[in-house]
């Protein structure tokens, strides 16, 4: 009986010791070595992306990230998509409203009314859908080239810049499809507004 008990205790002790050693090894490998190696490799191979794809102005000041949109409310600048989380990166996500949801209908109607007030020269029929809808994350920094172009008449009038010049600016800041085939052409709103400010000193 005692011999059987001792054998059982030794087996349990051996199993426990093995489990502890394995746990410690995995903690070191997965919790220390892997993060250090992956972070070091990222900093070596793609430091800009590893640090958040930060955007700086002409004075070298960090003013945002090319991966996260910003809420531009000044009508003199190009405006991005609606964000129900106000572009707060720590709260990524959005309300999954059905098309018939009263809250979604109300928000959309308010966005259309705001568009009509700020852009009297562009009819609602030409308003691109992405300017009045959320992205899935609520953080999308891009709009379609068409969404940038329909804002040109408003900005032209407010800043005294010709529509042709603003059109060229939008074209210069339009990103093509990834590898020429993936995704759609898009415009990063923050980069476009930086170019607008620096090109025309506005």
C-alpha atoms as a PDB file:
ATOM      1  CA  UNK A   1       0.000   0.000   0.000  1.00  0.00           C
ATOM      2  CA  UNK A   2       2.735   2.425   1.047  1.00  0.00           C
ATOM      3  CA  UNK A   3       4.771   1.451  -2.003  1.00  0.00           C
ATOM      4  CA  UNK A   4       1.837   2.166  -4.308  1.00  0.00           C
ATOM      5  CA  UNK A   5       1.220   5.482  -2.556  1.00  0.00           C
ATOM      6  CA  UNK A   6       4.866   6.485  -2.852  1.00  0.00           C
ATOM      7  CA  UNK A   7       4.863   5.604  -6.547  1.00  0.00           C
ATOM      8  CA  UNK A   8       1.732   7.687  -7.080  1.00  0.00           C
ATOM      9  CA  UNK A   9       3.235  10.647  -5.227  1.00  0.00           C
ATOM     10  CA  UNK A  10       6.429  10.405  -7.276  1.00  0.00           C
ATOM     11  CA  UNK A  11       4.384  10.311 -10.485  1.00  0.00           C
ATOM     12  CA  UNK A  12       2.384  13.370  -9.415  1.00  0.00           C
ATOM     13  CA  UNK A  13       5.547  15.187  -8.384  1.00  0.00           C
ATOM     14  CA  UNK A  14       7.234  14.370 -11.687  1.00  0.00           C
ATOM     15  CA  UNK A  15       4.183  15.517 -13.669  1.00  0.00           C
ATOM     16  CA  UNK A  16       3.963  18.733 -11.655  1.00  0.00           C
ATOM     17  CA  UNK A  17       7.663  19.413 -12.116  1.00  0.00           C
ATOM     18  CA  UNK A  18       7.378  18.808 -15.859  1.00  0.00           C
ATOM     19  CA  UNK A  19       4.349  21.109 -16.096  1.00  0.00           C
ATOM     20  CA  UNK A  20       6.142  23.893 -14.209  1.00  0.00           C
ATOM     21  CA  UNK A  21       9.276  23.601 -16.352  1.00  0.00           C
ATOM     22  CA  UNK A  22       7.223  23.625 -19.570  1.00  0.00           C
ATOM     23  CA  UNK A  23       5.263  26.645 -18.355  1.00  0.00           C
ATOM     24  CA  UNK A  24       8.452  28.552 -17.534  1.00  0.00           C
ATOM     25  CA  UNK A  25       9.977  27.710 -20.918  1.00  0.00           C
ATOM     26  CA  UNK A  26       6.835  28.826 -22.754  1.00  0.00           C
ATOM     27  CA  UNK A  27       6.624  32.028 -20.691  1.00  0.00           C
ATOM     28  CA  UNK A  28      10.205  32.894 -21.617  1.00  0.00           C
ATOM     29  CA  UNK A  29       9.793  31.960 -25.286  1.00  0.00           C
ATOM     30  CA  UNK A  30       6.332  33.421 -25.910  1.00  0.00           C
ATOM     31  CA  UNK A  31       6.356  36.257 -23.397  1.00  0.00           C
ATOM     32  CA  UNK A  32       9.911  37.560 -23.761  1.00  0.00           C
ATOM     33  CA  UNK A  33      11.911  36.092 -26.656  1.00  0.00           C
ATOM     34  CA  UNK A  34       9.209  36.183 -29.343  1.00  0.00           C
ATOM     35  CA  UNK A  35       8.067  39.792 -28.617  1.00  0.00           C
ATOM     36  CA  UNK A  36      11.677  40.991 -28.562  1.00  0.00           C
ATOM     37  CA  UNK A  37      12.570  39.221 -31.810  1.00  0.00           C
ATOM     38  CA  UNK A  38       9.409  40.298 -33.660  1.00  0.00           C
ATOM     39  CA  UNK A  39       9.676  43.891 -32.413  1.00  0.00           C
ATOM     40  CA  UNK A  40      13.356  44.034 -33.290  1.00  0.00           C
ATOM     41  CA  UNK A  41      12.723  42.618 -36.774  1.00  0.00           C
ATOM     42  CA  UNK A  42       9.899  45.090 -37.366  1.00  0.00           C
ATOM     43  CA  UNK A  43      12.054  48.018 -36.262  1.00  0.00           C
ATOM     44  CA  UNK A  44      14.855  46.822 -38.528  1.00  0.00           C
ATOM     45  CA  UNK A  45      12.821  45.979 -41.631  1.00  0.00           C
ATOM     46  CA  UNK A  46       9.947  48.487 -41.491  1.00  0.00           C
ATOM     47  CA  UNK A  47      10.510  51.067 -38.726  1.00  0.00           C
ATOM     48  CA  UNK A  48       7.887  53.479 -40.079  1.00  0.00           C
ATOM     49  CA  UNK A  49       5.089  50.913 -39.973  1.00  0.00           C
ATOM     50  CA  UNK A  50       6.288  49.470 -36.662  1.00  0.00           C
ATOM     51  CA  UNK A  51       6.008  52.899 -35.055  1.00  0.00           C
ATOM     52  CA  UNK A  52       2.418  53.430 -36.215  1.00  0.00           C
ATOM     53  CA  UNK A  53       2.852  54.965 -39.700  1.00  0.00           C
ATOM     54  CA  UNK A  54       3.017  58.403 -38.147  1.00  0.00           C
ATOM     55  CA  UNK A  55       2.629  61.528 -40.276  1.00  0.00           C
ATOM     56  CA  UNK A  56       4.691  64.649 -39.647  1.00  0.00           C
ATOM     57  CA  UNK A  57       4.183  68.184 -40.904  1.00  0.00           C
ATOM     58  CA  UNK A  58       6.874  70.310 -42.523  1.00  0.00           C
ATOM     59  CA  UNK A  59       8.154  71.255 -39.044  1.00  0.00           C
ATOM     60  CA  UNK A  60       8.681  67.612 -38.135  1.00  0.00           C
ATOM     61  CA  UNK A  61       5.780  67.529 -35.670  1.00  0.00           C
ATOM     62  CA  UNK A  62       3.720  64.346 -35.461  1.00  0.00           C
ATOM     63  CA  UNK A  63       0.137  65.248 -36.335  1.00  0.00           C
ATOM     64  CA  UNK A  64      -1.447  61.855 -36.845  1.00  0.00           C
ATOM     65  CA  UNK A  65      -1.209  58.414 -38.375  1.00  0.00           C
ATOM     66  CA  UNK A  66      -1.944  57.464 -41.960  1.00  0.00           C
ATOM     67  CA  UNK A  67      -3.851  54.455 -40.590  1.00  0.00           C
ATOM     68  CA  UNK A  68      -6.353  56.360 -38.427  1.00  0.00           C
ATOM     69  CA  UNK A  69      -8.737  59.027 -39.650  1.00  0.00           C
ATOM     70  CA  UNK A  70      -9.342  62.373 -37.995  1.00  0.00           C
ATOM     71  CA  UNK A  71     -12.493  64.406 -37.545  1.00  0.00           C
ATOM     72  CA  UNK A  72     -12.144  67.499 -39.755  1.00  0.00           C
ATOM     73  CA  UNK A  73     -15.008  69.897 -39.063  1.00  0.00           C
ATOM     74  CA  UNK A  74     -13.607  73.089 -40.644  1.00  0.00           C
ATOM     75  CA  UNK A  75     -15.400  73.423 -44.017  1.00  0.00           C
ATOM     76  CA  UNK A  76     -12.183  74.818 -45.543  1.00  0.00           C
ATOM     77  CA  UNK A  77     -10.671  71.343 -45.401  1.00  0.00           C
ATOM     78  CA  UNK A  78     -11.602  68.032 -46.957  1.00  0.00           C
ATOM     79  CA  UNK A  79     -13.730  65.931 -44.651  1.00  0.00           C
ATOM     80  CA  UNK A  80     -13.665  62.180 -44.150  1.00  0.00           C
ATOM     81  CA  UNK A  81     -16.196  59.511 -43.351  1.00  0.00           C
ATOM     82  CA  UNK A  82     -18.683  59.565 -40.508  1.00  0.00           C
ATOM     83  CA  UNK A  83     -17.298  57.956 -37.350  1.00  0.00           C
ATOM     84  CA  UNK A  84     -19.630  56.992 -34.521  1.00  0.00           C
ATOM     85  CA  UNK A  85     -16.590  56.656 -32.229  1.00  0.00           C
ATOM     86  CA  UNK A  86     -15.033  59.998 -33.220  1.00  0.00           C
ATOM     87  CA  UNK A  87     -11.962  58.172 -34.596  1.00  0.00           C
ATOM     88  CA  UNK A  88     -10.868  56.996 -31.136  1.00  0.00           C
ATOM     89  CA  UNK A  89      -8.468  54.140 -31.838  1.00  0.00           C
ATOM     90  CA  UNK A  90      -9.001  52.531 -28.438  1.00  0.00           C
ATOM     91  CA  UNK A  91     -12.703  52.083 -29.255  1.00  0.00           C
ATOM     92  CA  UNK A  92     -12.413  50.572 -32.720  1.00  0.00           C
ATOM     93  CA  UNK A  93     -15.736  49.382 -34.056  1.00  0.00           C
ATOM     94  CA  UNK A  94     -19.134  50.721 -34.949  1.00  0.00           C
ATOM     95  CA  UNK A  95     -22.813  50.129 -34.337  1.00  0.00           C
ATOM     96  CA  UNK A  96     -24.110  47.295 -36.503  1.00  0.00           C
ATOM     97  CA  UNK A  97     -27.352  49.037 -37.355  1.00  0.00           C
ATOM     98  CA  UNK A  98     -29.703  47.476 -39.869  1.00  0.00           C
ATOM     99  CA  UNK A  99     -30.683  49.752 -42.791  1.00  0.00           C
ATOM    100  CA  UNK A 100     -34.107  50.199 -41.188  1.00  0.00           C
ATOM    101  CA  UNK A 101     -32.764  51.168 -37.758  1.00  0.00           C
ATOM    102  CA  UNK A 102     -34.222  54.558 -36.653  1.00  0.00           C
ATOM    103  CA  UNK A 103     -30.873  55.715 -35.225  1.00  0.00           C
ATOM    104  CA  UNK A 104     -29.105  55.019 -38.512  1.00  0.00           C
ATOM    105  CA  UNK A 105     -31.833  56.774 -40.496  1.00  0.00           C
ATOM    106  CA  UNK A 106     -31.653  59.788 -38.190  1.00  0.00           C
ATOM    107  CA  UNK A 107     -27.863  60.031 -38.429  1.00  0.00           C
ATOM    108  CA  UNK A 108     -27.949  59.681 -42.200  1.00  0.00           C
ATOM    109  CA  UNK A 109     -30.622  62.369 -42.529  1.00  0.00           C
ATOM    110  CA  UNK A 110     -28.572  64.695 -40.325  1.00  0.00           C
ATOM    111  CA  UNK A 111     -25.471  64.056 -42.434  1.00  0.00           C
ATOM    112  CA  UNK A 112     -27.396  64.815 -45.622  1.00  0.00           C
ATOM    113  CA  UNK A 113     -28.822  68.008 -44.125  1.00  0.00           C
ATOM    114  CA  UNK A 114     -25.318  69.111 -43.067  1.00  0.00           C
ATOM    115  CA  UNK A 115     -24.049  68.366 -46.574  1.00  0.00           C
ATOM    116  CA  UNK A 116     -26.790  70.457 -48.191  1.00  0.00           C
ATOM    117  CA  UNK A 117     -25.995  73.386 -45.918  1.00  0.00           C
ATOM    118  CA  UNK A 118     -22.214  73.268 -46.474  1.00  0.00           C
ATOM    119  CA  UNK A 119     -22.283  72.313 -50.153  1.00  0.00           C
ATOM    120  CA  UNK A 120     -25.153  74.179 -51.826  1.00  0.00           C
ATOM    121  CA  UNK A 121     -23.475  73.893 -55.245  1.00  0.00           C
ATOM    122  CA  UNK A 122     -23.440  70.077 -55.204  1.00  0.00           C
ATOM    123  CA  UNK A 123     -26.825  68.278 -55.224  1.00  0.00           C
ATOM    124  CA  UNK A 124     -27.459  65.387 -52.858  1.00  0.00           C
ATOM    125  CA  UNK A 125     -27.787  63.104 -55.882  1.00  0.00           C
ATOM    126  CA  UNK A 126     -24.006  63.481 -56.369  1.00  0.00           C
ATOM    127  CA  UNK A 127     -23.172  62.825 -52.712  1.00  0.00           C
ATOM    128  CA  UNK A 128     -21.042  59.628 -52.495  1.00  0.00           C
ATOM    129  CA  UNK A 129     -22.366  57.111 -49.994  1.00  0.00           C
ATOM    130  CA  UNK A 130     -19.072  56.810 -48.103  1.00  0.00           C
ATOM    131  CA  UNK A 131     -19.338  60.414 -46.866  1.00  0.00           C
ATOM    132  CA  UNK A 132     -22.485  59.594 -44.878  1.00  0.00           C
ATOM    133  CA  UNK A 133     -21.681  56.048 -43.731  1.00  0.00           C
ATOM    134  CA  UNK A 134     -19.334  54.507 -41.189  1.00  0.00           C
ATOM    135  CA  UNK A 135     -16.541  52.133 -42.038  1.00  0.00           C
ATOM    136  CA  UNK A 136     -16.518  48.838 -40.160  1.00  0.00           C
ATOM    137  CA  UNK A 137     -13.832  50.056 -37.751  1.00  0.00           C
ATOM    138  CA  UNK A 138     -14.945  53.672 -37.511  1.00  0.00           C
ATOM    139  CA  UNK A 139     -11.287  54.595 -38.103  1.00  0.00           C
ATOM    140  CA  UNK A 140     -10.985  54.546 -41.897  1.00  0.00           C
ATOM    141  CA  UNK A 141      -8.650  57.407 -42.958  1.00  0.00           C
ATOM    142  CA  UNK A 142      -9.592  57.130 -46.642  1.00  0.00           C
ATOM    143  CA  UNK A 143     -12.371  58.325 -48.891  1.00  0.00           C
ATOM    144  CA  UNK A 144     -12.939  57.635 -52.569  1.00  0.00           C
ATOM    145  CA  UNK A 145     -11.509  60.109 -55.104  1.00  0.00           C
ATOM    146  CA  UNK A 146     -15.115  61.019 -55.989  1.00  0.00           C
ATOM    147  CA  UNK A 147     -15.791  61.901 -52.338  1.00  0.00           C
ATOM    148  CA  UNK A 148     -12.849  64.299 -52.411  1.00  0.00           C
ATOM    149  CA  UNK A 149     -13.806  65.837 -55.746  1.00  0.00           C
ATOM    150  CA  UNK A 150     -17.381  66.682 -54.743  1.00  0.00           C
ATOM    151  CA  UNK A 151     -15.962  68.810 -51.907  1.00  0.00           C
ATOM    152  CA  UNK A 152     -13.877  70.911 -54.289  1.00  0.00           C
ATOM    153  CA  UNK A 153     -16.542  73.579 -55.043  1.00  0.00           C
ATOM    154  CA  UNK A 154     -16.982  74.327 -51.319  1.00  0.00           C
ATOM    155  CA  UNK A 155     -13.262  74.552 -50.603  1.00  0.00           C
ATOM    156  CA  UNK A 156     -12.594  76.536 -53.778  1.00  0.00           C
ATOM    157  CA  UNK A 157     -15.132  79.157 -52.743  1.00  0.00           C
ATOM    158  CA  UNK A 158     -13.918  79.389 -49.142  1.00  0.00           C
ATOM    159  CA  UNK A 159     -10.182  79.522 -49.909  1.00  0.00           C
ATOM    160  CA  UNK A 160     -10.192  81.287 -53.268  1.00  0.00           C
ATOM    161  CA  UNK A 161      -8.348  78.451 -54.981  1.00  0.00           C
ATOM    162  CA  UNK A 162      -9.418  77.387 -58.457  1.00  0.00           C
ATOM    163  CA  UNK A 163     -11.280  74.118 -58.815  1.00  0.00           C
ATOM    164  CA  UNK A 164      -8.710  72.996 -61.376  1.00  0.00           C
ATOM    165  CA  UNK A 165      -5.875  73.418 -58.866  1.00  0.00           C
ATOM    166  CA  UNK A 166      -7.783  71.517 -56.196  1.00  0.00           C
ATOM    167  CA  UNK A 167      -8.597  68.803 -58.711  1.00  0.00           C
ATOM    168  CA  UNK A 168      -4.903  68.398 -59.485  1.00  0.00           C
ATOM    169  CA  UNK A 169      -4.190  68.212 -55.758  1.00  0.00           C
ATOM    170  CA  UNK A 170      -6.715  65.413 -55.318  1.00  0.00           C
ATOM    171  CA  UNK A 171      -5.257  63.527 -58.268  1.00  0.00           C
ATOM    172  CA  UNK A 172      -1.739  63.873 -56.860  1.00  0.00           C
ATOM    173  CA  UNK A 173      -2.906  62.435 -53.527  1.00  0.00           C
ATOM    174  CA  UNK A 174      -4.923  59.543 -54.918  1.00  0.00           C
ATOM    175  CA  UNK A 175      -3.497  56.130 -54.071  1.00  0.00           C
ATOM    176  CA  UNK A 176      -4.006  53.357 -56.620  1.00  0.00           C
ATOM    177  CA  UNK A 177      -4.959  49.738 -56.078  1.00  0.00           C
ATOM    178  CA  UNK A 178      -2.489  47.677 -54.050  1.00  0.00           C
ATOM    179  CA  UNK A 179      -0.204  45.821 -56.461  1.00  0.00           C
ATOM    180  CA  UNK A 180      -2.387  47.234 -59.198  1.00  0.00           C
ATOM    181  CA  UNK A 181      -5.259  44.822 -58.577  1.00  0.00           C
ATOM    182  CA  UNK A 182      -6.348  44.788 -54.920  1.00  0.00           C
ATOM    183  CA  UNK A 183      -8.754  47.282 -53.380  1.00  0.00           C
ATOM    184  CA  UNK A 184      -9.960  50.532 -54.886  1.00  0.00           C
ATOM    185  CA  UNK A 185      -8.334  53.920 -55.565  1.00  0.00           C
ATOM    186  CA  UNK A 186      -8.496  56.013 -52.402  1.00  0.00           C
ATOM    187  CA  UNK A 187      -7.476  59.320 -50.868  1.00  0.00           C
ATOM    188  CA  UNK A 188      -6.010  59.685 -47.391  1.00  0.00           C
ATOM    189  CA  UNK A 189      -7.867  62.701 -45.982  1.00  0.00           C
ATOM    190  CA  UNK A 190      -5.150  63.745 -43.538  1.00  0.00           C
ATOM    191  CA  UNK A 191      -2.442  63.637 -46.204  1.00  0.00           C
ATOM    192  CA  UNK A 192      -4.667  65.564 -48.605  1.00  0.00           C
ATOM    193  CA  UNK A 193      -5.348  68.294 -46.050  1.00  0.00           C
ATOM    194  CA  UNK A 194      -1.656  68.577 -45.225  1.00  0.00           C
ATOM    195  CA  UNK A 195      -0.915  68.981 -48.934  1.00  0.00           C
ATOM    196  CA  UNK A 196      -3.690  71.566 -49.204  1.00  0.00           C
ATOM    197  CA  UNK A 197      -2.275  73.597 -46.330  1.00  0.00           C
ATOM    198  CA  UNK A 198       1.349  73.373 -47.404  1.00  0.00           C
ATOM    199  CA  UNK A 199       0.755  73.894 -51.128  1.00  0.00           C
ATOM    200  CA  UNK A 200      -1.476  76.936 -50.809  1.00  0.00           C
ATOM    201  CA  UNK A 201      -0.395  78.209 -47.375  1.00  0.00           C
ATOM    202  CA  UNK A 202      -3.961  78.053 -46.126  1.00  0.00           C
END
